[in-house]
Amino acid sequence: MSANSRMTVATHTLTWMALVCPSRPDGVVTSDRIAASVNTNPVVIRRILGSLRDAGLVVSRRGQGAGWMLGRAPESITLRDVYAAVEPEPLLAPHPAPPNQACPVGRGIPPVLREAYGRAEESMKEQLATVTIADVLRETVA
């Protein structure tokens, strides 16, 4: 299994936009330009941007001058916001198939793990809520 990088790509995207968009007269950038910074295919960026748009973190513009711009100030976008936008599944998943109910461990472990995983994910979200895109940009270019 490979690690999921949607959160990292989304954070990179928003941080790059926070750097570049203010210097553009219309504040709009293309997915191709973002993809060049992330070093990935623009299709990957467009998928991420779609999730970020649905969460209100970016806005798309169609037609002449089409592209993307930040939907909120970088100071008001936390990494928790980004996580919520791009990670619809829980951080840690339960068994892919129900464990053997005849086994005492198989029968009893799902609720124990759900509780532990829930606490771990909530703790991570609390930490992500303390960091904004503006913070990431400031530390990145320092």
C-alpha atoms as a PDB file:
ATOM      1  CA  MET A   1       0.000   0.000   0.000  1.00  0.00           C
ATOM      2  CA  SER A   2       1.205   3.489  -0.786  1.00  0.00           C
ATOM      3  CA  ALA A   3       0.635   6.602   1.259  1.00  0.00           C
ATOM      4  CA  ASN A   4      -2.061   9.046   0.186  1.00  0.00           C
ATOM      5  CA  SER A   5      -0.620  12.380  -0.963  1.00  0.00           C
ATOM      6  CA  ARG A   6      -3.843  14.336  -1.704  1.00  0.00           C
ATOM      7  CA  MET A   7      -3.403  16.426   1.448  1.00  0.00           C
ATOM      8  CA  THR A   8       0.191  17.274   0.544  1.00  0.00           C
ATOM      9  CA  VAL A   9      -0.671  18.154  -3.063  1.00  0.00           C
ATOM     10  CA  ALA A  10      -3.634  20.270  -1.933  1.00  0.00           C
ATOM     11  CA  THR A  11      -1.511  22.130   0.628  1.00  0.00           C
ATOM     12  CA  HIS A  12       1.233  22.712  -1.951  1.00  0.00           C
ATOM     13  CA  THR A  13      -1.393  23.991  -4.410  1.00  0.00           C
ATOM     14  CA  LEU A  14      -2.934  26.455  -1.962  1.00  0.00           C
ATOM     15  CA  THR A  15       0.465  27.632  -0.715  1.00  0.00           C
ATOM     16  CA  TRP A  16       1.675  28.263  -4.265  1.00  0.00           C
ATOM     17  CA  MET A  17      -1.554  30.104  -5.044  1.00  0.00           C
ATOM     18  CA  ALA A  18      -1.098  32.235  -1.909  1.00  0.00           C
ATOM     19  CA  LEU A  19       2.341  33.208  -3.209  1.00  0.00           C
ATOM     20  CA  VAL A  20       1.467  33.824  -6.863  1.00  0.00           C
ATOM     21  CA  CYS A  21      -2.165  34.973  -7.046  1.00  0.00           C
ATOM     22  CA  PRO A  22      -1.677  38.332  -5.260  1.00  0.00           C
ATOM     23  CA  SER A  23       0.960  39.350  -7.828  1.00  0.00           C
ATOM     24  CA  ARG A  24      -1.344  38.722 -10.785  1.00  0.00           C
ATOM     25  CA  PRO A  25      -3.687  41.538 -11.874  1.00  0.00           C
ATOM     26  CA  ASP A  26      -6.722  39.246 -11.895  1.00  0.00           C
ATOM     27  CA  GLY A  27      -5.494  36.876  -9.167  1.00  0.00           C
ATOM     28  CA  VAL A  28      -6.128  33.884 -11.456  1.00  0.00           C
ATOM     29  CA  VAL A  29      -3.749  30.987 -12.192  1.00  0.00           C
ATOM     30  CA  THR A  30      -4.122  27.904 -14.368  1.00  0.00           C
ATOM     31  CA  SER A  31      -3.929  24.289 -13.313  1.00  0.00           C
ATOM     32  CA  ASP A  32      -0.999  23.891 -15.735  1.00  0.00           C
ATOM     33  CA  ARG A  33       1.029  26.488 -13.824  1.00  0.00           C
ATOM     34  CA  ILE A  34       0.159  24.907 -10.483  1.00  0.00           C
ATOM     35  CA  ALA A  35       1.066  21.458 -11.852  1.00  0.00           C
ATOM     36  CA  ALA A  36       4.504  22.736 -12.856  1.00  0.00           C
ATOM     37  CA  SER A  37       5.229  23.675  -9.229  1.00  0.00           C
ATOM     38  CA  VAL A  38       3.879  20.394  -7.834  1.00  0.00           C
ATOM     39  CA  ASN A  39       5.589  18.468 -10.669  1.00  0.00           C
ATOM     40  CA  THR A  40       2.507  16.456 -11.522  1.00  0.00           C
ATOM     41  CA  ASN A  41      -0.082  16.175 -14.262  1.00  0.00           C
ATOM     42  CA  PRO A  42      -2.579  19.070 -14.494  1.00  0.00           C
ATOM     43  CA  VAL A  43      -5.415  16.517 -14.332  1.00  0.00           C
ATOM     44  CA  VAL A  44      -4.304  15.606 -10.798  1.00  0.00           C
ATOM     45  CA  ILE A  45      -4.347  19.293  -9.884  1.00  0.00           C
ATOM     46  CA  ARG A  46      -7.794  19.824 -11.418  1.00  0.00           C
ATOM     47  CA  ARG A  47      -9.216  16.949  -9.352  1.00  0.00           C
ATOM     48  CA  ILE A  48      -7.746  18.425  -6.176  1.00  0.00           C
ATOM     49  CA  LEU A  49      -8.951  21.904  -7.122  1.00  0.00           C
ATOM     50  CA  GLY A  50     -12.461  20.520  -7.635  1.00  0.00           C
ATOM     51  CA  SER A  51     -12.515  19.263  -4.051  1.00  0.00           C
ATOM     52  CA  LEU A  52     -11.067  22.538  -2.788  1.00  0.00           C
ATOM     53  CA  ARG A  53     -13.713  24.461  -4.767  1.00  0.00           C
ATOM     54  CA  ASP A  54     -16.500  22.335  -3.292  1.00  0.00           C
ATOM     55  CA  ALA A  55     -15.188  23.298   0.157  1.00  0.00           C
ATOM     56  CA  GLY A  56     -15.062  27.008  -0.745  1.00  0.00           C
ATOM     57  CA  LEU A  57     -11.267  27.234  -0.516  1.00  0.00           C
ATOM     58  CA  VAL A  58     -10.784  28.142  -4.194  1.00  0.00           C
ATOM     59  CA  VAL A  59     -12.961  29.628  -6.914  1.00  0.00           C
ATOM     60  CA  SER A  60     -12.883  28.770 -10.611  1.00  0.00           C
ATOM     61  CA  ARG A  61     -13.333  31.210 -13.456  1.00  0.00           C
ATOM     62  CA  ARG A  62     -14.559  30.074 -16.871  1.00  0.00           C
ATOM     63  CA  GLY A  63     -14.247  31.652 -20.290  1.00  0.00           C
ATOM     64  CA  GLN A  64     -11.781  34.411 -21.122  1.00  0.00           C
ATOM     65  CA  GLY A  65      -9.090  34.449 -18.423  1.00  0.00           C
ATOM     66  CA  ALA A  66     -10.155  31.041 -17.091  1.00  0.00           C
ATOM     67  CA  GLY A  67      -8.366  29.623 -14.109  1.00  0.00           C
ATOM     68  CA  TRP A  68      -8.396  29.388 -10.350  1.00  0.00           C
ATOM     69  CA  MET A  69      -8.066  31.818  -7.466  1.00  0.00           C
ATOM     70  CA  LEU A  70      -8.171  31.539  -3.706  1.00  0.00           C
ATOM     71  CA  GLY A  71     -11.673  31.593  -2.291  1.00  0.00           C
ATOM     72  CA  ARG A  72     -10.525  32.810   1.118  1.00  0.00           C
ATOM     73  CA  ALA A  73      -7.548  34.614   2.567  1.00  0.00           C
ATOM     74  CA  PRO A  74      -4.573  32.319   3.250  1.00  0.00           C
ATOM     75  CA  GLU A  75      -4.733  33.364   6.923  1.00  0.00           C
ATOM     76  CA  SER A  76      -8.217  31.891   7.179  1.00  0.00           C
ATOM     77  CA  ILE A  77      -7.507  28.514   5.554  1.00  0.00           C
ATOM     78  CA  THR A  78      -6.262  25.947   8.060  1.00  0.00           C
ATOM     79  CA  LEU A  79      -4.717  22.615   7.234  1.00  0.00           C
ATOM     80  CA  ARG A  80      -7.780  21.099   8.907  1.00  0.00           C
ATOM     81  CA  ASP A  81      -9.907  22.822   6.255  1.00  0.00           C
ATOM     82  CA  VAL A  82      -7.677  21.347   3.550  1.00  0.00           C
ATOM     83  CA  TYR A  83      -7.831  17.883   5.117  1.00  0.00           C
ATOM     84  CA  ALA A  84     -11.619  18.014   5.325  1.00  0.00           C
ATOM     85  CA  ALA A  85     -11.806  19.068   1.669  1.00  0.00           C
ATOM     86  CA  VAL A  86      -9.619  16.348   0.179  1.00  0.00           C
ATOM     87  CA  GLU A  87      -9.784  13.390   2.556  1.00  0.00           C
ATOM     88  CA  PRO A  88     -13.340  12.034   2.574  1.00  0.00           C
ATOM     89  CA  GLU A  89     -12.308   8.720   4.138  1.00  0.00           C
ATOM     90  CA  PRO A  90     -11.128   8.274   7.718  1.00  0.00           C
ATOM     91  CA  LEU A  91      -7.385   8.324   8.303  1.00  0.00           C
ATOM     92  CA  LEU A  92      -7.348   4.747   9.577  1.00  0.00           C
ATOM     93  CA  ALA A  93      -9.785   2.233   8.140  1.00  0.00           C
ATOM     94  CA  PRO A  94     -11.455  -0.741   9.810  1.00  0.00           C
ATOM     95  CA  HIS A  95     -11.021  -4.292   8.577  1.00  0.00           C
ATOM     96  CA  PRO A  96     -11.694  -4.574   4.827  1.00  0.00           C
ATOM     97  CA  ALA A  97     -13.962  -7.562   5.579  1.00  0.00           C
ATOM     98  CA  PRO A  98     -15.737  -8.387   8.855  1.00  0.00           C
ATOM     99  CA  PRO A  99     -13.425 -10.388  11.129  1.00  0.00           C
ATOM    100  CA  ASN A 100     -14.352 -13.863  12.323  1.00  0.00           C
ATOM    101  CA  GLN A 101     -17.182 -13.424  14.841  1.00  0.00           C
ATOM    102  CA  ALA A 102     -16.466 -16.861  16.357  1.00  0.00           C
ATOM    103  CA  CYS A 103     -13.054 -15.572  17.511  1.00  0.00           C
ATOM    104  CA  PRO A 104     -13.054 -13.465  20.704  1.00  0.00           C
ATOM    105  CA  VAL A 105     -10.531 -11.045  19.174  1.00  0.00           C
ATOM    106  CA  GLY A 106     -12.376 -10.885  15.850  1.00  0.00           C
ATOM    107  CA  ARG A 107     -15.645 -10.232  17.669  1.00  0.00           C
ATOM    108  CA  GLY A 108     -14.311  -7.634  20.111  1.00  0.00           C
ATOM    109  CA  ILE A 109     -11.635  -5.683  18.279  1.00  0.00           C
ATOM    110  CA  PRO A 110     -13.707  -3.521  15.851  1.00  0.00           C
ATOM    111  CA  PRO A 111     -15.260  -1.196  18.472  1.00  0.00           C
ATOM    112  CA  VAL A 112     -11.957  -0.900  20.341  1.00  0.00           C
ATOM    113  CA  LEU A 113     -10.103   0.134  17.194  1.00  0.00           C
ATOM    114  CA  ARG A 114     -12.884   2.511  16.086  1.00  0.00           C
ATOM    115  CA  GLU A 115     -12.579   4.338  19.408  1.00  0.00           C
ATOM    116  CA  ALA A 116      -8.768   4.490  19.313  1.00  0.00           C
ATOM    117  CA  TYR A 117      -8.707   5.532  15.656  1.00  0.00           C
ATOM    118  CA  GLY A 118     -11.351   8.182  16.260  1.00  0.00           C
ATOM    119  CA  ARG A 119      -9.338   9.725  19.100  1.00  0.00           C
ATOM    120  CA  ALA A 120      -6.154   9.683  17.002  1.00  0.00           C
ATOM    121  CA  GLU A 121      -7.843  11.352  14.036  1.00  0.00           C
ATOM    122  CA  GLU A 122      -9.439  14.019  16.219  1.00  0.00           C
ATOM    123  CA  SER A 123      -6.060  14.783  17.784  1.00  0.00           C
ATOM    124  CA  MET A 124      -4.506  15.134  14.325  1.00  0.00           C
ATOM    125  CA  LYS A 125      -7.334  17.458  13.204  1.00  0.00           C
ATOM    126  CA  GLU A 126      -6.825  19.624  16.289  1.00  0.00           C
ATOM    127  CA  GLN A 127      -3.155  20.021  15.363  1.00  0.00           C
ATOM    128  CA  LEU A 128      -3.961  20.761  11.712  1.00  0.00           C
ATOM    129  CA  ALA A 129      -6.362  23.488  12.851  1.00  0.00           C
ATOM    130  CA  THR A 130      -3.425  25.412  14.353  1.00  0.00           C
ATOM    131  CA  VAL A 131      -1.604  25.880  11.025  1.00  0.00           C
ATOM    132  CA  THR A 132      -2.819  28.109   8.188  1.00  0.00           C
ATOM    133  CA  ILE A 133      -1.807  28.276   4.541  1.00  0.00           C
ATOM    134  CA  ALA A 134      -0.272  31.672   5.382  1.00  0.00           C
ATOM    135  CA  ASP A 135       1.870  29.952   8.043  1.00  0.00           C
ATOM    136  CA  VAL A 136       2.990  27.292   5.552  1.00  0.00           C
ATOM    137  CA  LEU A 137       3.871  29.957   2.977  1.00  0.00           C
ATOM    138  CA  ARG A 138       5.771  32.078   5.494  1.00  0.00           C
ATOM    139  CA  GLU A 139       7.851  29.111   6.685  1.00  0.00           C
ATOM    140  CA  THR A 140       8.334  27.720   3.167  1.00  0.00           C
ATOM    141  CA  VAL A 141       9.848  30.863   1.680  1.00  0.00           C
ATOM    142  CA  ALA A 142      11.802  31.842   4.813  1.00  0.00           C
END
